[in-house]
N, C-alpha and C. Protein backbone atom coordinates (compact mmCIF):
# COMPACT_ATOMS: atom_id res chain seq x y z
N MET A 1 -11.76 -16.49 6.67
CA MET A 1 -10.63 -15.84 6.02
C MET A 1 -9.91 -16.17 5.12
N SER A 2 -10.21 -18.12 5.38
CA SER A 2 -9.60 -18.38 3.65
C SER A 2 -10.30 -18.02 2.00
N GLU A 3 -11.63 -17.19 2.22
CA GLU A 3 -12.62 -17.06 1.00
C GLU A 3 -11.49 -15.51 1.07
N GLY A 4 -10.90 -14.57 1.39
CA GLY A 4 -10.26 -13.54 0.64
C GLY A 4 -11.07 -12.41 1.15
N LEU A 5 -10.60 -11.49 0.39
CA LEU A 5 -11.06 -9.89 1.00
C LEU A 5 -12.18 -8.98 0.39
N ILE A 6 -13.46 -8.75 0.96
CA ILE A 6 -14.12 -8.28 0.68
C ILE A 6 -14.20 -6.60 -0.11
N LEU A 7 -14.56 -6.65 -1.06
CA LEU A 7 -14.36 -5.16 -1.42
C LEU A 7 -15.08 -4.41 -2.06
N PRO A 8 -15.72 -3.32 -1.69
CA PRO A 8 -16.91 -2.78 -3.01
C PRO A 8 -16.53 -2.32 -4.19
N CYS A 9 -17.14 -1.96 -5.15
CA CYS A 9 -16.95 -1.58 -6.28
C CYS A 9 -17.42 0.33 -6.27
N ALA A 10 -16.36 0.90 -6.71
CA ALA A 10 -16.02 2.34 -6.01
C ALA A 10 -17.41 2.57 -7.65
N GLN A 11 -17.33 2.43 -8.71
CA GLN A 11 -18.23 2.78 -9.94
C GLN A 11 -19.74 2.29 -9.73
N CYS A 12 -19.44 1.16 -9.44
CA CYS A 12 -21.07 0.64 -9.54
C CYS A 12 -22.05 0.19 -8.03
N GLY A 13 -21.36 -0.16 -7.04
CA GLY A 13 -21.37 -0.66 -5.49
C GLY A 13 -21.27 -2.12 -5.06
N GLN A 14 -20.81 -2.62 -5.82
CA GLN A 14 -21.56 -4.13 -5.93
C GLN A 14 -19.94 -5.38 -5.15
N LYS A 15 -20.06 -6.02 -4.61
CA LYS A 15 -18.95 -5.95 -4.02
C LYS A 15 -18.37 -7.33 -3.82
N ASN A 16 -16.89 -7.49 -4.39
CA ASN A 16 -16.09 -8.02 -4.92
C ASN A 16 -15.44 -8.92 -4.30
N ARG A 17 -14.80 -9.82 -4.30
CA ARG A 17 -14.15 -10.89 -3.57
C ARG A 17 -12.65 -10.88 -4.24
N ILE A 18 -11.79 -10.53 -3.38
CA ILE A 18 -10.23 -10.13 -4.19
C ILE A 18 -9.70 -12.06 -3.14
N PRO A 19 -9.47 -12.98 -4.24
CA PRO A 19 -8.94 -13.98 -3.21
C PRO A 19 -7.49 -13.76 -2.21
N PRO A 20 -7.13 -14.33 -1.87
CA PRO A 20 -5.94 -14.53 -0.77
C PRO A 20 -5.10 -14.62 -1.93
N GLY A 21 -3.84 -14.25 -1.04
CA GLY A 21 -2.48 -13.91 -1.99
C GLY A 21 -2.93 -13.25 -3.89
N ARG A 22 -3.86 -12.30 -3.41
CA ARG A 22 -4.05 -11.50 -5.09
C ARG A 22 -3.96 -10.73 -4.57
N LEU A 23 -3.90 -9.89 -3.44
CA LEU A 23 -3.75 -8.41 -3.18
C LEU A 23 -2.67 -7.69 -3.94
N GLY A 24 -1.89 -7.94 -4.64
CA GLY A 24 -0.72 -7.94 -5.29
C GLY A 24 -1.17 -7.54 -7.04
N ASP A 25 -2.23 -7.99 -7.01
CA ASP A 25 -2.39 -8.10 -8.83
C ASP A 25 -3.95 -6.91 -8.61
N ARG A 26 -4.30 -6.75 -10.13
CA ARG A 26 -5.65 -5.55 -9.90
C ARG A 26 -6.80 -6.45 -10.06
N GLY A 27 -8.13 -5.54 -8.78
CA GLY A 27 -8.86 -6.55 -8.94
C GLY A 27 -10.19 -6.03 -9.90
N ARG A 28 -10.85 -6.38 -10.62
CA ARG A 28 -11.37 -6.16 -11.42
C ARG A 28 -13.18 -6.42 -10.90
N CYS A 29 -14.31 -5.11 -10.87
CA CYS A 29 -15.45 -5.64 -10.34
C CYS A 29 -16.03 -7.00 -11.73
N GLY A 30 -16.88 -7.99 -10.70
CA GLY A 30 -17.51 -8.77 -11.99
C GLY A 30 -18.48 -8.36 -12.32
N LYS A 31 -19.33 -7.37 -11.95
CA LYS A 31 -20.10 -6.21 -12.62
C LYS A 31 -19.90 -5.78 -13.96
N CYS A 32 -19.25 -4.50 -13.54
CA CYS A 32 -19.12 -3.82 -14.23
C CYS A 32 -17.51 -3.23 -15.40
N GLN A 33 -16.90 -4.37 -14.34
CA GLN A 33 -15.82 -4.44 -15.27
C GLN A 33 -14.09 -2.97 -14.57
N GLY A 34 -14.69 -2.55 -13.64
CA GLY A 34 -14.06 -1.37 -13.30
C GLY A 34 -12.91 -2.36 -12.22
N THR A 35 -12.24 -1.30 -11.97
CA THR A 35 -11.13 -0.96 -11.16
C THR A 35 -11.50 -1.79 -9.34
N VAL A 36 -11.52 -2.28 -8.72
CA VAL A 36 -11.93 -2.40 -7.65
C VAL A 36 -10.36 -2.50 -6.96
N HIS A 37 -9.49 -2.56 -7.01
CA HIS A 37 -8.51 -2.80 -6.35
C HIS A 37 -6.94 -3.04 -6.84
N GLU A 38 -6.55 -1.89 -6.66
CA GLU A 38 -5.21 -1.29 -7.27
C GLU A 38 -3.80 -2.13 -6.41
N PRO A 39 -2.81 -2.72 -7.12
CA PRO A 39 -1.80 -3.22 -5.94
C PRO A 39 -1.12 -1.93 -5.39
N GLY A 40 -1.18 -2.50 -3.95
CA GLY A 40 -0.57 -0.95 -2.92
C GLY A 40 -1.73 -0.33 -2.63
N ALA A 41 -2.86 0.04 -3.81
CA ALA A 41 -3.64 1.43 -3.26
C ALA A 41 -3.94 1.20 -1.79
N VAL A 42 -3.87 2.23 -1.05
CA VAL A 42 -5.03 2.48 -0.31
C VAL A 42 -6.36 2.65 -0.42
N VAL A 43 -7.17 1.88 0.39
CA VAL A 43 -8.39 1.92 0.68
C VAL A 43 -8.95 2.71 1.25
N ALA A 44 -9.88 3.44 0.95
CA ALA A 44 -10.92 3.95 2.18
C ALA A 44 -11.53 3.67 2.44
N VAL A 45 -12.55 3.44 3.78
CA VAL A 45 -13.43 2.20 4.51
C VAL A 45 -13.77 3.46 5.29
N ASP A 46 -14.94 4.40 5.42
CA ASP A 46 -15.14 4.90 6.36
C ASP A 46 -16.43 4.38 7.26
N ARG A 47 -16.99 3.67 7.37
CA ARG A 47 -18.26 3.10 7.93
C ARG A 47 -18.35 1.76 8.74
N ASP A 48 -18.31 1.78 9.60
CA ASP A 48 -17.79 0.97 10.73
C ASP A 48 -18.74 -0.51 10.65
N ASP A 49 -19.84 -0.66 9.28
CA ASP A 49 -20.33 -2.02 9.38
C ASP A 49 -18.91 -2.58 8.15
N ASP A 50 -18.60 -1.60 7.46
CA ASP A 50 -17.96 -2.16 6.43
C ASP A 50 -16.40 -2.68 6.87
N LEU A 51 -16.17 -1.52 7.87
CA LEU A 51 -14.72 -1.72 8.00
C LEU A 51 -14.96 -3.41 8.49
N GLN A 52 -15.90 -3.29 9.89
CA GLN A 52 -16.05 -4.56 10.08
C GLN A 52 -15.97 -6.02 9.39
N ALA A 53 -16.77 -5.70 8.51
CA ALA A 53 -16.30 -6.57 7.22
C ALA A 53 -15.56 -7.15 6.63
N LEU A 54 -14.16 -6.01 6.20
CA LEU A 54 -12.97 -6.22 5.85
C LEU A 54 -12.32 -6.59 6.83
N LEU A 55 -12.39 -6.02 7.97
CA LEU A 55 -11.46 -6.96 8.93
C LEU A 55 -11.54 -8.34 9.42
N GLY A 56 -12.54 -8.92 9.07
CA GLY A 56 -12.84 -10.43 9.24
C GLY A 56 -12.43 -11.02 7.92
N SER A 57 -12.85 -10.08 7.04
CA SER A 57 -12.24 -11.66 5.83
C SER A 57 -11.02 -10.94 5.73
N ALA A 58 -10.37 -9.96 5.80
CA ALA A 58 -8.67 -9.96 5.42
C ALA A 58 -8.27 -11.14 5.94
N ASP A 59 -7.31 -11.94 4.95
CA ASP A 59 -6.52 -12.95 4.84
C ASP A 59 -4.66 -12.42 5.58
N VAL A 60 -4.39 -10.76 5.26
CA VAL A 60 -3.47 -10.36 5.42
C VAL A 60 -3.28 -9.61 6.50
N PRO A 61 -2.35 -8.99 7.29
CA PRO A 61 -2.29 -7.94 8.41
C PRO A 61 -3.06 -6.62 7.61
N VAL A 62 -3.78 -5.83 8.25
CA VAL A 62 -4.63 -4.91 7.86
C VAL A 62 -3.79 -3.50 9.13
N LEU A 63 -3.19 -2.39 7.75
CA LEU A 63 -2.82 -1.08 8.55
C LEU A 63 -4.04 -0.47 8.39
N ILE A 64 -4.48 0.49 9.44
CA ILE A 64 -5.76 1.48 9.49
C ILE A 64 -4.68 2.54 9.52
N ASP A 65 -5.23 3.63 9.08
CA ASP A 65 -5.03 4.90 9.15
C ASP A 65 -6.14 6.00 10.03
N PHE A 66 -6.25 6.00 10.79
CA PHE A 66 -7.61 7.37 11.28
C PHE A 66 -7.24 8.03 10.89
N TRP A 67 -8.14 9.02 10.38
CA TRP A 67 -7.94 10.58 9.74
C TRP A 67 -9.30 11.51 9.91
N ALA A 68 -8.77 12.44 9.89
CA ALA A 68 -9.78 13.34 9.42
C ALA A 68 -9.59 14.53 8.51
N PRO A 69 -9.71 14.75 7.39
CA PRO A 69 -9.50 15.67 6.23
C PRO A 69 -9.31 17.19 7.04
N TRP A 70 -9.40 17.93 8.21
CA TRP A 70 -9.53 18.92 8.78
C TRP A 70 -8.09 18.75 9.97
N CYS A 71 -7.27 17.53 9.68
CA CYS A 71 -6.23 17.22 10.52
C CYS A 71 -4.73 17.43 9.76
N GLY A 72 -4.17 18.91 9.84
CA GLY A 72 -2.75 18.93 9.37
C GLY A 72 -2.06 17.36 9.18
N PRO A 73 -1.58 17.19 10.67
CA PRO A 73 -0.57 16.03 10.41
C PRO A 73 -1.38 14.91 9.68
N CYS A 74 -2.94 14.78 9.41
CA CYS A 74 -3.82 13.47 8.62
C CYS A 74 -2.52 13.41 7.65
N ARG A 75 -3.05 14.80 6.86
CA ARG A 75 -2.63 15.06 5.36
C ARG A 75 -1.38 15.05 5.48
N ALA A 76 -0.12 15.87 6.62
CA ALA A 76 0.76 15.36 6.24
C ALA A 76 1.51 13.66 6.58
N VAL A 77 0.62 12.47 6.72
CA VAL A 77 1.14 11.28 6.65
C VAL A 77 0.35 11.00 5.75
N ALA A 78 -0.21 11.49 5.41
CA ALA A 78 -1.01 10.72 4.27
C ALA A 78 -0.05 9.96 2.93
N PRO A 79 1.11 10.89 2.45
CA PRO A 79 1.48 10.19 1.64
C PRO A 79 2.39 9.68 1.53
N GLU A 80 3.00 9.52 3.01
CA GLU A 80 3.87 8.19 3.41
C GLU A 80 3.02 6.82 4.18
N VAL A 81 2.19 7.23 4.28
CA VAL A 81 0.90 6.21 4.21
C VAL A 81 1.00 5.31 3.10
N LYS A 82 0.50 6.25 2.09
CA LYS A 82 0.82 5.84 0.43
C LYS A 82 1.85 4.93 0.17
N LYS A 83 2.86 5.35 0.59
CA LYS A 83 3.94 4.58 0.45
C LYS A 83 3.89 3.00 1.02
N VAL A 84 4.08 3.38 2.01
CA VAL A 84 3.97 2.00 2.95
C VAL A 84 2.88 0.98 2.19
N GLY A 85 1.82 1.56 1.41
CA GLY A 85 1.06 0.44 0.98
C GLY A 85 1.38 -0.17 -0.26
N GLU A 86 2.18 1.13 -1.02
CA GLU A 86 2.74 0.55 -2.49
C GLU A 86 4.15 -0.45 -2.22
N ARG A 87 4.80 -0.35 -1.37
CA ARG A 87 6.14 -1.21 -0.91
C ARG A 87 5.69 -2.90 -0.36
N HIS A 88 4.32 -2.70 0.18
CA HIS A 88 3.51 -3.58 0.87
C HIS A 88 2.52 -4.26 0.38
N ALA A 89 2.49 -3.79 -1.20
CA ALA A 89 0.84 -4.29 -1.82
C ALA A 89 0.44 -5.94 -1.53
N ALA A 90 1.33 -6.92 -1.62
CA ALA A 90 0.95 -8.39 -1.67
C ALA A 90 0.83 -8.78 -0.17
N ASP A 91 1.80 -8.39 0.55
CA ASP A 91 1.66 -8.84 2.23
C ASP A 91 1.21 -7.79 3.14
N VAL A 92 0.86 -6.50 3.32
CA VAL A 92 -0.70 -6.09 4.10
C VAL A 92 -1.35 -5.01 2.86
N LEU A 93 -2.40 -4.83 3.56
CA LEU A 93 -3.95 -4.23 2.92
C LEU A 93 -3.74 -3.05 4.09
N VAL A 94 -3.74 -1.73 2.92
CA VAL A 94 -3.44 -0.31 3.98
C VAL A 94 -4.93 0.53 3.99
N ILE A 95 -5.13 0.33 4.92
CA ILE A 95 -6.86 1.75 4.38
C ILE A 95 -7.07 2.75 6.03
N LYS A 96 -7.47 3.68 5.07
CA LYS A 96 -7.51 4.87 5.63
C LYS A 96 -8.88 5.12 5.86
N VAL A 97 -9.41 5.70 7.40
CA VAL A 97 -10.72 5.68 7.91
C VAL A 97 -10.66 7.14 8.01
N ASN A 98 -11.78 7.82 7.94
CA ASN A 98 -12.14 9.22 8.03
C ASN A 98 -12.88 8.64 8.82
N THR A 99 -12.99 9.24 10.16
CA THR A 99 -13.34 9.23 11.31
C THR A 99 -14.65 9.92 11.79
N ASP A 100 -14.74 11.01 11.35
CA ASP A 100 -15.80 12.33 10.97
C ASP A 100 -16.72 11.54 10.27
N VAL A 101 -16.67 10.74 9.15
CA VAL A 101 -17.55 10.17 8.52
C VAL A 101 -18.76 9.23 9.32
N ASP A 102 -18.60 8.55 10.09
CA ASP A 102 -18.87 7.44 11.42
C ASP A 102 -18.58 7.70 12.59
N PRO A 103 -19.12 8.26 13.39
CA PRO A 103 -18.76 8.20 14.57
C PRO A 103 -18.43 7.11 15.35
N ALA A 104 -19.39 5.92 14.93
CA ALA A 104 -19.52 4.54 15.71
C ALA A 104 -17.64 4.44 15.32
N VAL A 105 -17.04 4.62 14.30
CA VAL A 105 -15.36 3.75 14.00
C VAL A 105 -15.05 3.88 15.16
N GLY A 106 -14.92 5.43 15.38
CA GLY A 106 -13.99 6.25 16.69
C GLY A 106 -14.21 5.66 17.78
N GLN A 107 -15.32 5.73 17.91
CA GLN A 107 -15.84 4.80 19.36
C GLN A 107 -15.72 3.44 19.47
N ARG A 108 -15.86 2.78 18.78
CA ARG A 108 -15.05 1.03 18.53
C ARG A 108 -14.08 0.76 18.98
N TYR A 109 -13.35 1.98 18.23
CA TYR A 109 -11.90 1.63 18.33
C TYR A 109 -11.42 2.50 19.32
N GLY A 110 -11.78 3.61 20.00
CA GLY A 110 -11.42 4.19 21.22
C GLY A 110 -10.16 4.89 20.51
N ILE A 111 -10.31 5.97 19.05
CA ILE A 111 -9.70 7.11 18.50
C ILE A 111 -9.86 8.29 19.64
N GLN A 112 -8.73 8.88 20.13
CA GLN A 112 -8.85 9.95 20.92
C GLN A 112 -7.89 10.47 20.20
N SER A 113 -6.72 10.67 19.65
CA SER A 113 -6.28 11.65 18.72
C SER A 113 -5.62 11.31 17.23
N ILE A 114 -5.32 11.73 16.50
CA ILE A 114 -5.43 11.81 14.97
C ILE A 114 -4.87 12.62 14.56
N PRO A 115 -3.41 11.89 13.65
CA PRO A 115 -3.91 10.78 13.36
C PRO A 115 -3.41 9.58 14.22
N THR A 116 -4.49 8.45 14.25
CA THR A 116 -4.18 7.08 14.90
C THR A 116 -3.81 6.45 13.95
N MET A 117 -2.95 5.31 13.76
CA MET A 117 -2.50 4.31 12.84
C MET A 117 -2.44 2.36 13.79
N ALA A 118 -3.51 1.92 13.76
CA ALA A 118 -3.56 0.23 14.34
C ALA A 118 -2.99 -1.04 13.02
N VAL A 119 -2.75 -1.72 13.95
CA VAL A 119 -2.16 -3.08 12.76
C VAL A 119 -2.94 -4.07 13.02
N PHE A 120 -3.65 -4.66 12.45
CA PHE A 120 -4.60 -5.58 12.47
C PHE A 120 -4.39 -7.07 11.94
N ARG A 121 -4.38 -8.44 12.62
CA ARG A 121 -4.42 -9.28 12.62
C ARG A 121 -5.12 -10.24 12.33
N GLY A 122 -5.83 -11.22 11.73
CA GLY A 122 -7.31 -11.90 11.95
C GLY A 122 -8.15 -11.21 12.84
N GLY A 123 -8.16 -9.74 12.52
CA GLY A 123 -9.09 -9.31 12.74
C GLY A 123 -8.83 -8.70 14.30
N ALA A 124 -7.85 -8.96 15.12
CA ALA A 124 -7.67 -7.88 16.23
C ALA A 124 -6.32 -7.31 16.33
N GLU A 125 -6.48 -6.39 16.68
CA GLU A 125 -6.16 -5.07 16.41
C GLU A 125 -4.38 -6.02 17.46
N VAL A 126 -2.99 -5.40 17.00
CA VAL A 126 -1.94 -6.38 18.02
C VAL A 126 -1.41 -5.14 18.09
N ALA A 127 -1.12 -3.81 17.57
CA ALA A 127 -0.41 -2.62 17.46
C ALA A 127 -1.28 -0.92 17.29
N ARG A 128 -0.89 -0.05 17.83
CA ARG A 128 -1.73 1.06 18.06
C ARG A 128 -0.21 2.10 17.89
N THR A 129 -0.49 3.65 17.29
CA THR A 129 0.59 4.25 17.51
C THR A 129 -0.10 5.31 17.21
N SER A 130 0.51 6.74 17.70
CA SER A 130 -0.33 7.59 16.83
C SER A 130 0.43 8.62 16.06
N GLY A 131 0.73 10.21 15.71
CA GLY A 131 1.23 10.95 15.44
C GLY A 131 1.64 10.51 13.95
N SER A 132 2.30 11.71 13.66
CA SER A 132 2.59 11.40 11.64
C SER A 132 4.24 11.04 11.93
N ARG A 133 4.31 10.31 10.70
CA ARG A 133 5.57 9.91 10.95
C ARG A 133 5.90 9.36 9.53
N PRO A 134 7.54 9.65 9.11
CA PRO A 134 7.83 8.81 7.55
C PRO A 134 7.49 7.65 7.50
N ALA A 135 7.33 7.27 5.92
CA ALA A 135 7.28 5.92 5.84
C ALA A 135 7.76 4.78 6.68
N ALA A 136 9.51 4.83 6.16
CA ALA A 136 10.38 3.98 7.24
C ALA A 136 10.01 4.17 8.66
N ALA A 137 9.59 4.81 9.19
CA ALA A 137 8.90 4.52 10.71
C ALA A 137 8.15 4.09 10.60
N ILE A 138 7.10 3.97 10.07
CA ILE A 138 5.64 3.42 10.18
C ILE A 138 5.94 2.13 9.55
N GLU A 139 7.04 1.31 8.44
CA GLU A 139 7.31 0.28 8.43
C GLU A 139 8.18 -0.49 9.18
N GLN A 140 8.74 0.08 10.22
CA GLN A 140 9.62 -0.47 11.10
C GLN A 140 8.77 -0.33 12.20
N TRP A 141 7.56 0.02 12.59
CA TRP A 141 6.64 -0.22 13.94
C TRP A 141 5.73 -0.96 13.45
N MET A 142 5.06 -1.55 12.10
CA MET A 142 4.50 -2.30 11.42
C MET A 142 4.99 -3.81 11.45
N ALA A 143 6.61 -3.64 10.73
CA ALA A 143 7.45 -5.21 11.36
C ALA A 143 7.42 -5.59 12.71
N GLN A 144 7.89 -4.58 14.07
CA GLN A 144 8.53 -5.01 15.02
C GLN A 144 6.61 -5.24 15.10
N ALA A 145 5.46 -4.83 15.58
CA ALA A 145 4.10 -5.26 16.07
C ALA A 145 4.08 -6.85 15.16
N LEU A 146 4.05 -6.97 13.89
CA LEU A 146 3.73 -8.17 12.87
C LEU A 146 5.00 -8.81 13.11
N GLY A 147 6.00 -9.15 14.33
CA GLY A 147 6.74 -10.33 14.15
C GLY A 147 7.83 -10.23 13.28
N ARG A 148 7.98 -9.48 12.48
CA ARG A 148 8.92 -9.66 11.10
C ARG A 148 10.66 -8.85 11.16
């Protein structure tokens, strides 16, 4: 975990390491200099192996929004999840996982309804909730899950 978070560059695919404590900074790709990570940006990770690698390397808690593009409540909660990411840029990584892209993700995590949000710490799930809700309610639930 002390090595930081590994994120792929959206432009060239190069995997880049974001050092611990730097999630609040803009990350640039070492290969093409494109932006890898914007502070507070919600990161899209749709493949099971990529998600496993990310959860294993995250040195901060991770909030995952499991969703699908055809789901109305998922689309409704998306701006609220984005607000949470912006407000907690330096201390929580917010990820969106489209469960339609890789069925292994839904199977691994037992996703039976969407939207479902889960909080992970140290690679392990610590809390889960389903349904759409405002950013303040998501933050309150997340804080309780993380003992803050």
